[in-house]
Amino acid sequence: MARRNLYSFWSGPSAAFCSHSDTTMTEKLYYGWIIVIACNLVACITWDVTIFNQGVFAAYWIREFGWSPATLALAPTLFQLWAGVAGVFVGRSVDHWGPKPVILIGAVFICVALAAIARVAAAWQAIPAFLLMGTGFACIHTVTLGKIVARWFLAQRARAMAAATFGAGFGGAALVPLNAGLIEAYGIEAGCLALAIVTLVVLIPMALWVIKDGPESMGLEIDNGAPPAPEEAARVDNDTATWTLAGAMARPAFWALALALGFGMLAQSAYLYHQTPFHEGRLGLLGAAGVVSATTLAGIAGRVIFITLGPRLSTLKWTTLVFGLQALSFAILGFGESEAALWGGSILFGATMGLVITLQPLTVAQAFGRTSFGRIYGAIYFAIRAGAAVGPIAIGLMLVEGFGYADGWLLVALSLIVAALLLPAALRASKPSSPSQTSA
C-alpha cells in the first residue's frame, strides 16, 4: 500500500487523491469536487484575464494614443463573434481529445494574444490581438468547463456547474488592479507579462495534473457510484446517448436552446455594457459605480443560493425562474422612475446574471447528455457569443435612433420572456426518440 501511494504521489497531484487502495479518501471526497475547484481556477483566467481586463487595455490605448472608444469598439465585438466560431471547433476537440490539450492550447493563444496586445501601436492591430484572445477564451470557457463538469456529475450537476465558476469574479478583484497598476508604473508590457505568467502558472498544472476526462479515466463512477434518485433515473439513458451534430440540429430542441441562450446573453451583455452610462444620468458617476458594485455582490449571492438550492428544483424550473426574474428586472428598470427602482432592478438582474451563465451548459447537458456535449454545446455556443456581441450594439443603435434606455430595457425584457418560454419547451422535447437518431 505504501508503495502504491508513493507512486500515486509522484504521478501527479490528481493521482494522490484517487488511489483506489485508499478507500477512506475516496469515500470522504469524490474527486469530482477536486475537478470543480480546478475549474474555478481555470475560470479565473477565463473571465479575469480575457474579459475583465479588456477595459484596462482600452483605457490605456485611449489615453496613450488618443483613440476614441468608438474606434476600439470593433475589437471586443469581433472577440465575441470569433469566440463563437472557435467554440464550434473547441467543442469537437474536447469531445475527441478531452479537455487537457484544449486547455493547454488555450493557454498558448492567451499568451500570444497578450504579447500582441503589448505591441499594439495602431488601432487596427487591436483586432487581431483580440481575435487571438477570443480563441484562447473559447478554449477555456463554458464549452470546455461544462464538458468537464458534465462528465463527473449527474445528480449534483446543477450544484457542480454553479460551483465550478463561483470564484471567477474574485480573481478580477486582484488581476484587474494588478494589470492597471503595472501599466501605470511600468507600461503595458509589464501588465501583459504578469497576466501571461499567471495564465501559465494556473492553466498548465490544472491541465496536466489535476483535470481528468471523466471518472472512468480514474476507475471511478459518475457521482461516486451513488445510485440516481428515482426522479433522475429517467435521465441516465439520455445522458449517455451519442449524438451527431446533424442529428442534434435536426431536432427543434437544438434551435430553441440556441435562440433562448442567445437572447439571454444579449440581455446580459447589453446591460453590463450600458449600465454605468444609464445610471449616471440619474444617480451621478459615484451612484452608478455603487449600483455596479451592488450588482456584482448580488451576483455572488445568486450563485450561493443556486449552489445551496440547486438540486431542489429541476433544470426546467430553474430556467423558467431565472429568465423570468431577469425579465422582471428589466421591466423594473424600464418602467421605474425612482432611485429605489433603479437599485432594485439592478440588484435583481445581478442575482440572476451568474445563473444565466451556469444554465447555458446545464440546459444543453440536460437536453443532449454528456457524451456528445462538446460538439453540440460548441455549436450552440456560437449563438451565445453572437448574442453577447449584438447586445451592446443593439441598445446603442436604439439610442442613436432617438429611443431611450427604457425602450431598450423593455425590448430586452420581451426577449427574455421568449427565452423563458423556449427553454422549458426545448428541455421537454429533447429526449431521443430512437437510438438510430443519435448514434454516430
Protein backbone atom coordinates (compact mmCIF):
# COMPACT_ATOMS: atom_id res chain seq x y z
CA MET A 1 0.00 0.00 0.00
CA ALA A 2 2.79 2.38 0.84
CA ARG A 3 4.48 1.72 -2.50
CA ARG A 4 1.27 2.42 -4.43
CA ASN A 5 0.57 5.64 -2.55
CA LEU A 6 4.13 6.82 -3.15
CA TYR A 7 3.75 6.06 -6.86
CA SER A 8 0.45 7.93 -6.88
CA PHE A 9 2.11 10.97 -5.36
CA TRP A 10 4.84 11.09 -7.98
CA SER A 11 2.33 10.50 -10.78
CA GLY A 12 0.83 13.89 -10.06
CA PRO A 13 -1.45 15.58 -7.56
CA SER A 14 -4.57 14.06 -9.07
CA ALA A 15 -3.37 10.50 -8.64
CA ALA A 16 -2.60 11.10 -4.99
CA PHE A 17 -6.27 11.91 -4.44
CA CYS A 18 -7.63 8.88 -6.22
CA SER A 19 -5.59 5.90 -5.03
CA HIS A 20 -8.04 3.01 -5.04
CA SER A 21 -6.24 1.42 -2.09
CA ASP A 22 -7.12 4.45 -0.01
CA THR A 23 -10.86 3.79 0.26
CA THR A 24 -11.22 6.23 3.13
CA MET A 25 -10.13 9.12 0.92
CA THR A 26 -12.49 8.23 -1.94
CA GLU A 27 -15.37 7.79 0.47
CA LYS A 28 -14.73 11.13 2.09
CA LEU A 29 -14.08 13.20 -1.02
CA TYR A 30 -15.28 12.41 -4.50
CA TYR A 31 -12.63 13.53 -6.97
CA GLY A 32 -15.29 15.35 -8.97
CA TRP A 33 -15.23 18.10 -6.33
CA ILE A 34 -11.47 18.49 -6.86
CA ILE A 35 -12.35 18.95 -10.52
CA VAL A 36 -14.80 21.70 -9.53
CA ILE A 37 -12.06 23.51 -7.59
CA ALA A 38 -9.73 23.21 -10.59
CA CYS A 39 -12.45 24.60 -12.88
CA ASN A 40 -12.75 27.60 -10.57
CA LEU A 41 -9.06 28.35 -11.06
CA VAL A 42 -9.37 27.98 -14.82
CA ALA A 43 -12.44 30.25 -14.74
CA CYS A 44 -10.37 32.95 -13.05
CA ILE A 45 -8.25 33.10 -16.20
CA THR A 46 -11.31 32.77 -18.48
CA TRP A 47 -13.04 35.85 -17.14
CA ASP A 48 -10.42 37.85 -15.28
CA VAL A 49 -7.63 37.83 -17.89
CA THR A 50 -9.56 37.68 -21.15
CA ILE A 51 -12.76 39.64 -20.34
CA PHE A 52 -12.40 41.98 -17.37
CA ASN A 53 -9.02 43.37 -18.48
CA GLN A 54 -10.24 44.38 -21.94
CA GLY A 55 -11.39 47.69 -20.49
CA VAL A 56 -7.99 48.26 -18.88
CA PHE A 57 -6.25 47.83 -22.23
CA ALA A 58 -8.80 50.06 -23.99
CA ALA A 59 -8.36 52.80 -21.38
CA TYR A 60 -4.58 52.67 -21.86
CA TRP A 61 -4.88 52.96 -25.65
CA ILE A 62 -7.36 55.84 -25.41
CA ARG A 63 -5.05 57.74 -23.07
CA GLU A 64 -1.78 56.85 -24.81
CA PHE A 65 -2.82 57.25 -28.45
CA GLY A 66 -5.95 59.40 -28.23
CA TRP A 67 -8.14 56.80 -29.96
CA SER A 68 -11.89 57.10 -29.39
CA PRO A 69 -13.90 54.34 -27.72
CA ALA A 70 -15.90 54.01 -30.96
CA THR A 71 -12.68 53.30 -32.86
CA LEU A 72 -11.84 50.46 -30.48
CA ALA A 73 -15.38 49.06 -30.20
CA LEU A 74 -14.97 46.72 -33.17
CA ALA A 75 -12.24 44.66 -31.45
CA PRO A 76 -14.33 43.40 -28.49
CA THR A 77 -17.32 42.83 -30.80
CA LEU A 78 -15.23 40.63 -33.09
CA PHE A 79 -13.76 38.96 -29.97
CA GLN A 80 -17.25 37.71 -29.08
CA LEU A 81 -18.17 36.60 -32.61
CA TRP A 82 -14.86 34.86 -33.23
CA ALA A 83 -15.05 33.11 -29.84
CA GLY A 84 -18.38 31.70 -31.03
CA VAL A 85 -16.81 30.41 -34.24
CA ALA A 86 -13.85 28.95 -32.35
CA GLY A 87 -16.26 27.33 -29.88
CA VAL A 88 -17.62 25.08 -32.63
CA PHE A 89 -14.15 23.60 -33.15
CA VAL A 90 -13.37 23.60 -29.43
CA GLY A 91 -16.50 21.54 -28.77
CA ARG A 92 -15.50 18.89 -31.31
CA SER A 93 -11.95 18.86 -29.98
CA VAL A 94 -12.90 18.43 -26.32
CA ASP A 95 -15.20 15.53 -27.28
CA HIS A 96 -12.46 13.87 -29.31
CA TRP A 97 -9.28 14.57 -27.35
CA GLY A 98 -10.56 15.55 -23.92
CA PRO A 99 -10.03 18.81 -22.02
CA LYS A 100 -6.27 18.67 -21.35
CA PRO A 101 -4.91 19.60 -24.81
CA VAL A 102 -7.71 22.12 -25.34
CA ILE A 103 -6.83 23.97 -22.11
CA LEU A 104 -3.12 23.94 -22.96
CA ILE A 105 -3.80 25.28 -26.46
CA GLY A 106 -5.96 27.97 -24.87
CA ALA A 107 -3.07 28.98 -22.62
CA VAL A 108 -0.82 29.37 -25.65
CA PHE A 109 -3.33 31.53 -27.52
CA ILE A 110 -3.90 33.76 -24.49
CA CYS A 111 -0.17 34.33 -24.01
CA VAL A 112 0.36 35.07 -27.71
CA ALA A 113 -2.60 37.47 -27.57
CA LEU A 114 -1.11 39.27 -24.56
CA ALA A 115 2.19 39.61 -26.44
CA ALA A 116 0.29 41.10 -29.39
CA ILE A 117 -1.65 43.48 -27.11
CA ALA A 118 1.62 44.71 -25.62
CA ARG A 119 2.83 45.63 -29.14
CA VAL A 120 -0.32 47.40 -30.41
CA ALA A 121 0.65 50.74 -31.98
CA ALA A 122 -2.28 51.29 -34.37
CA ALA A 123 -5.98 50.87 -33.65
CA TRP A 124 -6.45 48.12 -36.24
CA GLN A 125 -3.81 45.99 -34.52
CA ALA A 126 -6.16 45.55 -31.55
CA ILE A 127 -8.42 43.44 -33.78
CA PRO A 128 -6.02 40.51 -34.49
CA ALA A 129 -4.85 40.66 -30.88
CA PHE A 130 -8.43 40.30 -29.64
CA LEU A 131 -9.13 37.52 -32.16
CA LEU A 132 -6.22 35.57 -30.70
CA MET A 133 -7.59 36.26 -27.23
CA GLY A 134 -11.05 35.12 -28.34
CA THR A 135 -9.61 31.79 -29.46
CA GLY A 136 -7.97 31.25 -26.09
CA PHE A 137 -11.14 32.36 -24.32
CA ALA A 138 -13.24 29.79 -26.22
CA CYS A 139 -10.77 27.04 -25.28
CA ILE A 140 -11.22 27.60 -21.54
CA HIS A 141 -14.79 28.91 -21.36
CA THR A 142 -18.06 27.05 -20.78
CA VAL A 143 -17.66 24.70 -23.76
CA THR A 144 -14.70 23.06 -22.02
CA LEU A 145 -15.65 23.70 -18.40
CA GLY A 146 -19.21 22.49 -19.00
CA LYS A 147 -17.95 19.29 -20.64
CA ILE A 148 -15.60 18.63 -17.72
CA VAL A 149 -18.30 19.04 -15.07
CA ALA A 150 -20.96 17.16 -17.05
CA ARG A 151 -18.64 14.14 -17.28
CA TRP A 152 -18.29 13.94 -13.49
CA PHE A 153 -21.79 14.72 -12.24
CA LEU A 154 -25.41 13.84 -12.96
CA ALA A 155 -27.49 14.11 -9.78
CA GLN A 156 -25.35 17.01 -8.48
CA ARG A 157 -24.75 18.58 -11.88
CA ALA A 158 -26.65 21.82 -11.20
CA ARG A 159 -24.75 22.46 -7.98
CA ALA A 160 -21.40 21.48 -9.53
CA MET A 161 -21.93 23.71 -12.61
CA ALA A 162 -22.62 26.72 -10.40
CA ALA A 163 -19.73 25.96 -8.06
CA ALA A 164 -17.29 25.47 -10.95
CA THR A 165 -17.34 29.17 -11.88
CA PHE A 166 -18.12 30.64 -8.47
CA GLY A 167 -14.65 32.10 -7.96
CA ALA A 168 -14.30 33.73 -11.37
CA GLY A 169 -15.21 37.22 -10.22
CA PHE A 170 -12.92 37.11 -7.22
CA GLY A 171 -9.87 36.85 -9.45
CA GLY A 172 -10.92 40.03 -11.20
CA ALA A 173 -10.65 41.86 -7.90
CA ALA A 174 -6.94 41.04 -7.94
CA LEU A 175 -5.93 40.75 -11.59
CA VAL A 176 -7.59 43.92 -12.89
CA PRO A 177 -5.92 46.19 -10.30
CA LEU A 178 -2.65 44.29 -10.77
CA ASN A 179 -2.68 44.86 -14.53
CA ALA A 180 -3.74 48.51 -14.18
CA GLY A 181 -1.10 49.18 -11.53
CA LEU A 182 1.70 47.62 -13.56
CA ILE A 183 0.64 49.53 -16.67
CA GLU A 184 0.65 52.79 -14.71
CA ALA A 185 4.07 52.12 -13.18
CA TYR A 186 5.97 50.24 -15.89
CA GLY A 187 3.93 50.25 -19.09
CA ILE A 188 1.59 47.87 -20.87
CA GLU A 189 4.34 45.32 -21.48
CA ALA A 190 4.70 44.72 -17.74
CA GLY A 191 0.97 44.24 -17.28
CA CYS A 192 0.72 41.78 -20.17
CA LEU A 193 3.76 39.85 -18.95
CA ALA A 194 2.26 39.49 -15.47
CA LEU A 195 -1.04 38.24 -16.87
CA ALA A 196 0.78 35.76 -19.12
CA ILE A 197 2.73 34.38 -16.15
CA VAL A 198 -0.44 33.99 -14.11
CA THR A 199 -2.13 32.26 -17.05
CA LEU A 200 0.67 29.71 -17.41
CA VAL A 201 1.08 29.14 -13.67
CA VAL A 202 -2.64 28.37 -13.31
CA LEU A 203 -3.56 26.55 -16.53
CA ILE A 204 -0.58 24.25 -17.06
CA PRO A 205 -0.72 22.48 -13.66
CA MET A 206 -4.51 22.23 -13.80
CA ALA A 207 -4.45 20.70 -17.30
CA LEU A 208 -1.51 18.34 -16.78
CA TRP A 209 -2.07 17.01 -13.29
CA VAL A 210 -5.48 17.83 -11.87
CA ILE A 211 -8.24 17.83 -14.52
CA LYS A 212 -9.26 14.37 -15.74
CA ASP A 213 -11.62 13.47 -18.58
CA GLY A 214 -14.39 11.87 -16.57
CA PRO A 215 -14.44 9.48 -13.63
CA GLU A 216 -13.92 6.45 -15.89
CA SER A 217 -10.37 7.64 -16.62
CA MET A 218 -9.58 7.09 -12.93
CA GLY A 219 -11.57 3.91 -12.40
CA LEU A 220 -14.36 5.82 -10.67
CA GLU A 221 -18.06 6.18 -11.42
CA ILE A 222 -20.13 9.26 -12.07
CA ASP A 223 -21.47 10.76 -8.81
CA ASN A 224 -19.01 8.45 -6.99
CA GLY A 225 -21.20 5.47 -7.86
CA ALA A 226 -24.23 6.76 -5.96
CA PRO A 227 -27.44 5.39 -7.49
CA PRO A 228 -29.60 8.05 -9.14
CA ALA A 229 -32.67 9.26 -7.31
CA PRO A 230 -35.98 7.99 -8.73
CA GLU A 231 -36.62 11.34 -10.43
CA GLU A 232 -33.12 11.19 -12.01
CA ALA A 233 -33.29 7.58 -13.23
CA ALA A 234 -35.04 8.53 -16.46
CA ARG A 235 -32.16 10.88 -17.36
CA VAL A 236 -29.42 8.23 -17.26
CA ASP A 237 -30.02 6.77 -20.74
CA ASN A 238 -30.33 10.22 -22.30
CA ASP A 239 -27.17 11.35 -20.51
CA THR A 240 -25.04 8.67 -22.20
CA ALA A 241 -26.67 8.87 -25.64
CA THR A 242 -24.28 9.60 -28.51
CA TRP A 243 -25.38 12.40 -30.83
CA THR A 244 -24.07 13.53 -34.16
CA LEU A 245 -24.23 17.28 -34.65
CA ALA A 246 -26.52 16.78 -37.66
CA GLY A 247 -28.82 14.62 -35.56
CA ALA A 248 -28.98 17.24 -32.81
CA MET A 249 -29.57 20.07 -35.28
CA ALA A 250 -32.47 18.14 -36.78
CA ARG A 251 -34.36 18.47 -33.50
CA PRO A 252 -36.32 21.63 -32.61
CA ALA A 253 -34.77 21.49 -29.11
CA PHE A 254 -31.36 22.44 -30.54
CA TRP A 255 -32.66 25.62 -32.19
CA ALA A 256 -34.84 26.53 -29.23
CA LEU A 257 -31.81 26.30 -26.95
CA ALA A 258 -29.64 28.32 -29.36
CA LEU A 259 -32.22 31.08 -29.66
CA ALA A 260 -33.09 31.21 -25.96
CA LEU A 261 -29.50 31.19 -24.72
CA GLY A 262 -28.55 33.76 -27.35
CA PHE A 263 -31.33 36.05 -26.12
CA GLY A 264 -30.15 35.53 -22.54
CA MET A 265 -26.61 36.58 -23.37
CA LEU A 266 -27.81 39.53 -25.47
CA ALA A 267 -29.65 40.87 -22.42
CA GLN A 268 -26.69 40.37 -20.13
CA SER A 269 -24.06 41.94 -22.35
CA ALA A 270 -26.33 44.87 -23.23
CA TYR A 271 -26.92 45.80 -19.61
CA LEU A 272 -23.37 45.25 -18.38
CA TYR A 273 -22.01 47.47 -21.17
CA HIS A 274 -24.58 50.26 -20.77
CA GLN A 275 -25.12 50.01 -17.01
CA THR A 276 -22.84 52.87 -15.97
CA PRO A 277 -23.99 55.47 -18.56
CA PHE A 278 -27.64 54.51 -17.93
CA HIS A 279 -27.42 55.09 -14.18
CA GLU A 280 -25.01 58.03 -14.35
CA GLY A 281 -27.73 60.26 -15.81
CA ARG A 282 -29.90 59.85 -12.70
CA LEU A 283 -27.54 58.83 -9.92
CA GLY A 284 -24.27 60.52 -10.92
CA LEU A 285 -20.99 58.72 -11.52
CA LEU A 286 -20.48 57.68 -7.89
CA GLY A 287 -24.05 56.46 -7.64
CA ALA A 288 -23.65 54.48 -10.85
CA ALA A 289 -20.45 52.93 -9.51
CA GLY A 290 -22.34 51.94 -6.38
CA VAL A 291 -25.01 50.22 -8.48
CA VAL A 292 -22.31 48.30 -10.38
CA SER A 293 -20.80 47.10 -7.09
CA ALA A 294 -24.23 46.10 -5.76
CA THR A 295 -24.90 44.19 -8.99
CA THR A 296 -21.64 42.26 -8.58
CA LEU A 297 -22.37 41.41 -4.95
CA ALA A 298 -25.87 40.31 -5.90
CA GLY A 299 -24.30 38.00 -8.48
CA ILE A 300 -22.26 36.29 -5.76
CA ALA A 301 -25.37 35.97 -3.60
CA GLY A 302 -27.30 34.46 -6.51
CA ARG A 303 -24.66 31.79 -7.04
CA VAL A 304 -24.66 30.95 -3.32
CA ILE A 305 -28.43 30.49 -3.41
CA PHE A 306 -28.17 28.30 -6.51
CA ILE A 307 -25.40 26.15 -5.04
CA THR A 308 -27.49 25.69 -1.89
CA LEU A 309 -30.87 25.08 -3.50
CA GLY A 310 -29.86 23.82 -6.96
CA PRO A 311 -30.80 20.14 -6.52
CA ARG A 312 -34.20 21.02 -5.03
CA LEU A 313 -35.56 22.33 -8.33
CA SER A 314 -35.35 20.76 -11.77
CA THR A 315 -33.35 22.40 -14.53
CA LEU A 316 -36.65 23.16 -16.25
CA LYS A 317 -37.94 25.07 -13.22
CA TRP A 318 -34.66 26.91 -12.74
CA THR A 319 -34.59 28.14 -16.33
CA THR A 320 -38.15 29.44 -16.10
CA LEU A 321 -37.46 31.11 -12.77
CA VAL A 322 -34.12 32.72 -13.70
CA PHE A 323 -35.14 34.07 -17.10
CA GLY A 324 -38.49 35.19 -15.72
CA LEU A 325 -36.83 37.10 -12.86
CA GLN A 326 -34.35 38.69 -15.23
CA ALA A 327 -37.19 39.82 -17.49
CA LEU A 328 -38.83 41.33 -14.39
CA SER A 329 -35.59 43.17 -13.55
CA PHE A 330 -35.55 44.83 -16.98
CA ALA A 331 -39.24 45.71 -16.68
CA ILE A 332 -38.47 47.43 -13.37
CA LEU A 333 -35.58 49.32 -14.98
CA GLY A 334 -37.74 50.29 -17.95
CA PHE A 335 -40.83 51.43 -16.07
CA GLY A 336 -39.23 52.54 -12.80
CA GLU A 337 -38.83 56.24 -12.08
CA SER A 338 -37.42 56.23 -8.55
CA GLU A 339 -33.88 55.56 -7.36
CA ALA A 340 -35.20 52.58 -5.43
CA ALA A 341 -36.47 51.06 -8.69
CA LEU A 342 -33.07 51.56 -10.36
CA TRP A 343 -31.26 49.92 -7.46
CA GLY A 344 -33.85 47.15 -7.12
CA GLY A 345 -33.87 46.30 -10.82
CA SER A 346 -30.07 46.19 -10.93
CA ILE A 347 -29.79 44.01 -7.84
CA LEU A 348 -32.40 41.58 -9.20
CA PHE A 349 -30.51 41.46 -12.50
CA GLY A 350 -27.26 40.84 -10.63
CA ALA A 351 -28.76 37.96 -8.64
CA THR A 352 -29.61 36.18 -11.90
CA MET A 353 -26.71 37.13 -14.19
CA GLY A 354 -24.31 34.43 -12.98
CA LEU A 355 -27.06 31.82 -13.13
CA VAL A 356 -27.66 32.58 -16.82
CA ILE A 357 -24.02 31.53 -17.46
CA THR A 358 -24.45 28.40 -15.33
CA LEU A 359 -27.67 27.42 -17.11
CA GLN A 360 -26.06 27.57 -20.56
CA PRO A 361 -24.06 24.32 -20.29
CA LEU A 362 -26.51 22.85 -17.79
CA THR A 363 -29.51 23.04 -20.12
CA VAL A 364 -27.55 21.60 -23.06
CA ALA A 365 -26.29 18.73 -20.89
CA GLN A 366 -29.86 18.16 -19.69
CA ALA A 367 -31.15 18.06 -23.26
CA PHE A 368 -28.41 16.07 -25.02
CA GLY A 369 -26.38 14.39 -22.28
CA ARG A 370 -22.67 14.35 -21.54
CA THR A 371 -21.23 12.02 -24.16
CA SER A 372 -21.62 14.40 -27.12
CA PHE A 373 -21.82 17.57 -25.06
CA GLY A 374 -18.80 19.29 -26.61
CA ARG A 375 -19.84 19.19 -30.25
CA ILE A 376 -23.46 20.19 -29.52
CA TYR A 377 -22.76 22.91 -26.99
CA GLY A 378 -19.92 24.18 -29.17
CA ALA A 379 -22.41 24.79 -31.98
CA ILE A 380 -24.95 26.45 -29.66
CA TYR A 381 -22.08 28.48 -28.19
CA PHE A 382 -21.87 30.45 -31.43
CA ALA A 383 -25.41 31.74 -30.83
CA ILE A 384 -24.47 32.62 -27.25
CA ARG A 385 -21.43 34.65 -28.28
CA ALA A 386 -23.35 36.27 -31.13
CA GLY A 387 -25.91 37.44 -28.58
CA ALA A 388 -23.10 38.83 -26.45
CA ALA A 389 -21.75 40.74 -29.45
CA VAL A 390 -25.12 42.10 -30.60
CA GLY A 391 -26.46 43.24 -27.20
CA PRO A 392 -24.39 46.42 -26.67
CA ILE A 393 -24.66 47.39 -30.34
CA ALA A 394 -28.44 46.91 -30.43
CA ILE A 395 -29.02 49.23 -27.46
CA GLY A 396 -26.51 51.71 -28.87
CA LEU A 397 -28.34 51.82 -32.21
CA MET A 398 -31.64 52.39 -30.43
CA LEU A 399 -30.12 55.40 -28.66
CA VAL A 400 -28.78 56.76 -31.96
CA GLU A 401 -32.28 56.45 -33.49
CA GLY A 402 -33.80 58.51 -30.70
CA PHE A 403 -35.14 55.81 -28.42
CA GLY A 404 -34.32 55.86 -24.71
CA TYR A 405 -32.77 53.27 -22.44
CA ALA A 406 -36.24 52.47 -21.08
CA ASP A 407 -37.35 51.36 -24.56
CA GLY A 408 -34.27 49.18 -24.88
CA TRP A 409 -34.79 47.52 -21.49
CA LEU A 410 -38.41 46.73 -22.28
CA LEU A 411 -37.39 45.14 -25.57
CA VAL A 412 -34.77 43.10 -23.71
CA ALA A 413 -37.42 42.05 -21.17
CA LEU A 414 -39.60 40.80 -24.04
CA SER A 415 -36.71 38.75 -25.46
CA LEU A 416 -36.15 37.17 -22.03
CA ILE A 417 -39.82 36.23 -21.78
CA VAL A 418 -39.44 34.46 -25.13
CA ALA A 419 -36.35 32.67 -23.75
CA ALA A 420 -38.24 31.69 -20.58
CA LEU A 421 -40.88 30.03 -22.76
CA LEU A 422 -38.48 28.42 -25.23
CA LEU A 423 -36.12 26.76 -22.73
CA PRO A 424 -38.70 24.60 -20.92
CA ALA A 425 -40.18 23.59 -24.28
CA ALA A 426 -36.72 22.61 -25.51
CA LEU A 427 -35.98 20.53 -22.42
CA ARG A 428 -39.31 18.70 -22.61
CA ALA A 429 -38.78 17.86 -26.29
CA SER A 430 -35.13 16.81 -26.04
CA LYS A 431 -35.36 13.07 -25.32
CA PRO A 432 -34.07 10.96 -28.24
CA SER A 433 -36.93 9.02 -29.77
CA SER A 434 -34.75 6.16 -31.02
CA PRO A 435 -31.08 5.14 -30.97
CA SER A 436 -30.84 5.46 -34.75
CA GLN A 437 -31.39 9.21 -34.50
CA THR A 438 -28.49 9.71 -32.13
CA SER A 439 -25.83 7.21 -33.00
CA ALA A 440 -22.67 8.44 -34.64
